[in-house]
Protein backbone atom coordinates (compact mmCIF):
# COMPACT_ATOMS: atom_id res chain seq x y z
CA MET A 1 -0.53 14.03 -37.28
CA GLU A 2 -0.99 10.27 -36.93
CA GLN A 3 -4.73 10.47 -36.32
CA SER A 4 -5.33 13.00 -39.09
CA LEU A 5 -3.30 10.99 -41.59
CA ASN A 6 -5.18 7.80 -40.74
CA GLU A 7 -8.52 9.57 -41.09
CA ALA A 8 -7.52 11.14 -44.40
CA LEU A 9 -6.31 7.84 -45.82
CA ALA A 10 -9.54 6.15 -44.75
CA ARG A 11 -11.57 8.83 -46.55
CA LEU A 12 -9.50 8.24 -49.67
CA GLY A 13 -9.89 4.48 -49.35
CA LEU A 14 -6.11 4.10 -49.40
CA GLU A 15 -4.54 1.41 -47.22
CA LEU A 16 -0.82 1.68 -46.44
CA PRO A 17 1.39 -0.48 -44.19
CA GLU A 18 2.26 1.04 -40.82
CA PRO A 19 5.99 1.41 -41.67
CA VAL A 20 5.02 3.50 -44.71
CA LYS A 21 2.72 5.70 -42.64
CA ALA A 22 5.46 6.11 -40.05
CA ARG A 23 7.90 7.28 -42.74
CA LEU A 24 5.30 9.70 -44.13
CA ARG A 25 4.86 11.18 -40.65
CA ALA A 26 8.63 11.37 -40.18
CA PHE A 27 8.93 13.34 -43.41
CA GLY A 28 6.09 15.59 -42.33
CA GLN A 29 7.76 16.27 -39.00
CA ALA A 30 11.06 16.99 -40.77
CA VAL A 31 9.35 19.56 -43.00
CA LEU A 32 7.67 21.24 -40.03
CA GLU A 33 10.92 21.31 -38.09
CA GLN A 34 12.84 22.83 -41.00
CA ASN A 35 10.00 25.28 -41.56
CA ARG A 36 11.09 27.08 -38.40
CA VAL A 37 14.17 28.37 -40.22
CA MET A 38 13.12 28.12 -43.87
CA ASN A 39 9.89 29.01 -45.65
CA LEU A 40 8.59 25.59 -46.71
CA THR A 41 4.89 25.70 -45.89
CA ALA A 42 2.21 28.00 -44.53
CA VAL A 43 0.51 24.99 -42.94
CA THR A 44 2.04 24.49 -39.49
CA ASP A 45 -0.66 22.50 -37.67
CA PRO A 46 0.40 18.82 -37.83
CA GLY A 47 -3.13 17.54 -38.37
CA GLU A 48 -3.86 19.99 -41.16
CA PHE A 49 -0.44 19.28 -42.65
CA ALA A 50 -1.20 15.55 -42.79
CA GLN A 51 -4.35 16.22 -44.81
CA ARG A 52 -3.33 19.11 -47.06
CA HIS A 53 0.17 17.92 -47.90
CA LEU A 54 0.61 14.20 -47.20
CA ALA A 55 -2.84 12.86 -48.09
CA ASP A 56 -3.27 15.29 -50.98
CA SER A 57 0.03 14.09 -52.48
CA LEU A 58 -1.04 10.48 -52.20
CA THR A 59 -4.00 11.05 -54.54
CA VAL A 60 -1.38 10.49 -57.25
CA LEU A 61 -1.37 6.79 -56.30
CA LEU A 62 -5.11 6.65 -56.91
CA SER A 63 -4.84 8.42 -60.25
CA ALA A 64 -2.12 6.44 -62.04
CA GLU A 65 -0.05 3.28 -61.80
CA THR A 66 3.25 4.41 -60.29
CA ARG A 67 5.11 1.15 -59.68
CA GLY A 68 8.25 1.00 -61.79
CA LYS A 69 7.44 4.33 -63.45
CA ARG A 70 9.81 7.23 -64.02
CA ILE A 71 8.14 10.24 -62.39
CA ILE A 72 9.17 13.88 -62.34
CA ASP A 73 7.66 16.30 -59.83
CA VAL A 74 7.84 19.73 -61.47
CA GLY A 75 8.03 22.57 -58.96
CA CYS A 76 8.19 20.22 -55.98
CA GLY A 77 8.70 22.92 -53.34
CA ALA A 78 9.23 21.10 -50.05
CA GLY A 79 8.79 17.76 -51.82
CA PHE A 80 5.10 17.51 -52.62
CA PRO A 81 3.73 15.37 -54.12
CA GLY A 82 6.92 13.57 -55.12
CA VAL A 83 8.31 12.53 -51.73
CA PRO A 84 5.07 11.03 -50.32
CA VAL A 85 4.60 9.19 -53.63
CA LYS A 86 8.12 7.74 -53.37
CA ILE A 87 7.62 6.78 -49.72
CA ALA A 88 4.34 5.01 -50.48
CA CYS A 89 5.63 3.48 -53.72
CA PRO A 90 9.37 2.76 -53.40
CA GLU A 91 9.32 1.03 -56.79
CA ALA A 92 8.83 4.39 -58.53
CA GLN A 93 11.85 6.33 -59.79
CA VAL A 94 11.25 9.90 -58.68
CA THR A 95 12.95 13.11 -59.78
CA LEU A 96 12.25 16.23 -57.72
CA LEU A 97 12.66 19.51 -59.60
CA ASP A 98 12.53 23.01 -58.16
CA SER A 99 14.29 26.30 -58.90
CA LEU A 100 14.95 27.24 -55.25
CA GLY A 101 18.38 25.95 -54.30
CA LYS A 102 17.92 26.16 -50.53
CA ARG A 103 14.90 23.86 -50.63
CA MET A 104 16.63 21.36 -52.88
CA ASN A 105 19.78 21.37 -50.77
CA TRP A 106 17.66 20.62 -47.73
CA LEU A 107 15.89 17.76 -49.52
CA ARG A 108 19.25 16.32 -50.61
CA GLU A 109 20.30 16.18 -46.96
CA ALA A 110 16.97 15.21 -45.38
CA LEU A 111 15.78 12.42 -47.67
CA PRO A 112 18.70 10.00 -47.22
CA ALA A 113 18.36 10.37 -43.44
CA LEU A 114 14.73 9.24 -43.83
CA GLY A 115 15.66 6.35 -46.11
CA VAL A 116 14.06 7.99 -49.16
CA GLU A 117 15.92 7.75 -52.48
CA ALA A 118 15.04 10.40 -55.04
CA GLU A 119 16.95 12.52 -57.54
CA CYS A 120 16.95 16.19 -56.49
CA VAL A 121 17.52 18.67 -59.32
CA THR A 122 17.80 22.43 -58.88
CA GLY A 123 16.59 24.26 -61.96
CA ARG A 124 13.71 25.69 -63.92
CA ALA A 125 11.45 23.34 -65.85
CA GLU A 126 11.76 25.24 -69.12
CA GLU A 127 15.56 25.07 -68.89
CA LEU A 128 15.80 21.38 -67.97
CA ALA A 129 13.14 20.10 -70.38
CA PRO A 130 15.25 20.17 -73.59
CA SER A 131 17.84 17.78 -72.09
CA ARG A 132 15.20 15.44 -70.61
CA ARG A 133 12.54 15.57 -73.30
CA GLY A 134 10.38 12.45 -73.31
CA GLN A 135 12.34 10.71 -70.55
CA TYR A 136 9.52 10.21 -68.04
CA ASP A 137 6.37 8.10 -67.81
CA ILE A 138 4.59 10.60 -65.56
CA ALA A 139 4.99 14.30 -64.80
CA VAL A 140 3.19 15.54 -61.70
CA SER A 141 2.76 19.05 -60.38
CA ARG A 142 0.86 20.71 -57.57
CA ALA A 143 0.08 24.38 -56.93
CA VAL A 144 2.68 25.68 -59.39
CA ALA A 145 0.72 27.67 -62.00
CA ARG A 146 -2.53 27.88 -63.89
CA LEU A 147 -3.15 24.84 -66.05
CA ASN A 148 -2.38 26.37 -69.46
CA ILE A 149 1.04 27.42 -68.14
CA LEU A 150 1.62 24.25 -66.13
CA LEU A 151 1.04 21.95 -69.09
CA GLU A 152 3.69 23.71 -71.19
CA LEU A 153 6.17 23.20 -68.35
CA THR A 154 5.37 19.51 -67.80
CA ALA A 155 4.31 17.93 -71.12
CA PRO A 156 7.78 18.04 -72.75
CA PHE A 157 9.19 15.74 -70.05
CA VAL A 158 6.73 12.94 -70.82
CA GLN A 159 7.09 10.26 -73.47
CA VAL A 160 4.25 9.52 -75.87
CA GLY A 161 1.79 7.28 -74.04
CA GLY A 162 2.76 8.79 -70.69
CA LEU A 163 0.76 10.98 -68.34
CA VAL A 164 0.69 14.48 -66.94
CA LEU A 165 -1.09 14.72 -63.59
CA ALA A 166 -2.13 18.17 -62.40
CA LEU A 167 -3.23 18.37 -58.76
CA LYS A 168 -5.76 21.17 -58.50
CA GLY A 169 -8.35 22.66 -56.18
CA PRO A 170 -11.93 23.86 -56.71
CA ALA A 171 -11.00 26.07 -59.71
CA ALA A 172 -9.93 23.08 -61.81
CA GLY A 173 -12.93 23.29 -64.15
CA GLU A 174 -12.31 26.94 -64.93
CA GLU A 175 -8.62 26.32 -65.58
CA LEU A 176 -9.41 23.34 -67.80
CA ALA A 177 -11.73 25.42 -69.97
CA ALA A 178 -8.96 27.99 -70.47
CA ALA A 179 -6.38 25.32 -71.35
CA LYS A 180 -8.12 23.65 -74.32
CA ASN A 181 -5.73 25.20 -76.83
CA ALA A 182 -2.67 24.26 -74.78
CA ILE A 183 -3.83 20.64 -74.47
CA VAL A 184 -4.03 20.22 -78.25
CA ARG A 185 -0.84 22.09 -79.12
CA LEU A 186 1.25 20.18 -76.59
CA GLY A 187 0.19 16.73 -77.83
CA LEU A 188 -2.08 15.91 -74.92
CA GLU A 189 -5.65 14.80 -74.39
CA LEU A 190 -7.75 14.84 -71.24
CA ASP A 191 -7.83 11.29 -69.89
CA GLY A 192 -10.02 11.80 -66.84
CA ILE A 193 -10.69 13.88 -63.75
CA ARG A 194 -10.84 12.43 -60.26
CA ALA A 195 -12.13 14.29 -57.21
CA PHE A 196 -10.88 13.53 -53.71
CA PRO A 197 -12.00 14.78 -50.27
CA ILE A 198 -9.10 16.59 -48.60
CA GLY A 199 -10.06 18.15 -45.29
CA GLU A 200 -13.09 20.35 -45.83
CA ALA A 201 -12.37 20.82 -49.54
CA GLU A 202 -12.56 18.75 -52.70
CA HIS A 203 -9.31 18.44 -54.60
CA GLN A 204 -9.08 17.21 -58.17
CA VAL A 205 -6.46 15.39 -60.18
CA LEU A 206 -6.59 16.18 -63.88
CA ARG A 207 -5.06 13.37 -65.92
CA PHE A 208 -3.69 14.03 -69.41
CA ARG A 209 -2.42 11.39 -71.81
CA LYS A 210 0.48 12.24 -74.15
CA ILE A 211 -0.78 11.19 -77.58
CA SER A 212 1.84 12.82 -79.81
CA PRO A 213 5.26 14.43 -79.34
CA THR A 214 5.30 17.94 -77.93
CA PRO A 215 6.68 20.30 -80.63
CA GLU A 216 10.34 21.18 -80.10
CA LYS A 217 9.54 24.88 -79.66
CA TYR A 218 7.89 24.09 -76.31
CA PRO A 219 8.56 24.92 -73.57
CA ARG A 220 9.31 28.55 -74.36
CA LYS A 221 11.20 30.86 -72.03
CA PHE A 222 9.13 31.47 -68.93
CA ALA A 223 8.74 35.19 -69.57
CA LYS A 224 7.13 34.32 -72.90
CA ILE A 225 4.96 31.60 -71.37
CA LYS A 226 3.68 34.00 -68.74
CA GLN A 227 3.21 36.85 -71.19
CA SER A 228 1.38 34.75 -73.79
CA PRO A 229 0.00 31.48 -72.34
CA LEU A 230 -1.14 28.89 -74.85
């Protein structure tokens, strides 16, 4: 894992202090260990894990200023990208949100043992958003849903002037074309696309700026979102 992480960071042009890299590896090992008894990841090779989960998450640092920012990771799963972002940028205030209680309970126990401070919330984005509307500078999400669905789940959390960062793979362009209506209706505008080499693939971070408040009727109930995406 150490060699693969170092190589991946070098390809990204991202320099991190050794104590930070050691904590990233410790979190990675904790995920892989817990994965033996809980379904956290399909990636079990430590080297591949370092690239596809740790390095991929850290592309957030290259896509937005995170120091001192309030960040919510929507659909964090085993903690990606939110936990690596917090480890590499302790000055960020990170909220991890996921609907699976077992995963969140594990994160609540594991993170303090690793010296990582983050708020862990169990719940669905569309249910939490009304009580936390506009409370974050950045909403990030990775591998949760197609972009037109994902934006409805994330945009309400962000204040005007803030950012939504969607971590996507090779299909990002296709998803972006299908999300034009959602972008406008949710008060967003595309603010850039950055491509990063992750392993043998090219991953992309789509950056959206919140330019006006998201209408109160969004997000809708998930069944409605899925049935009739914006």
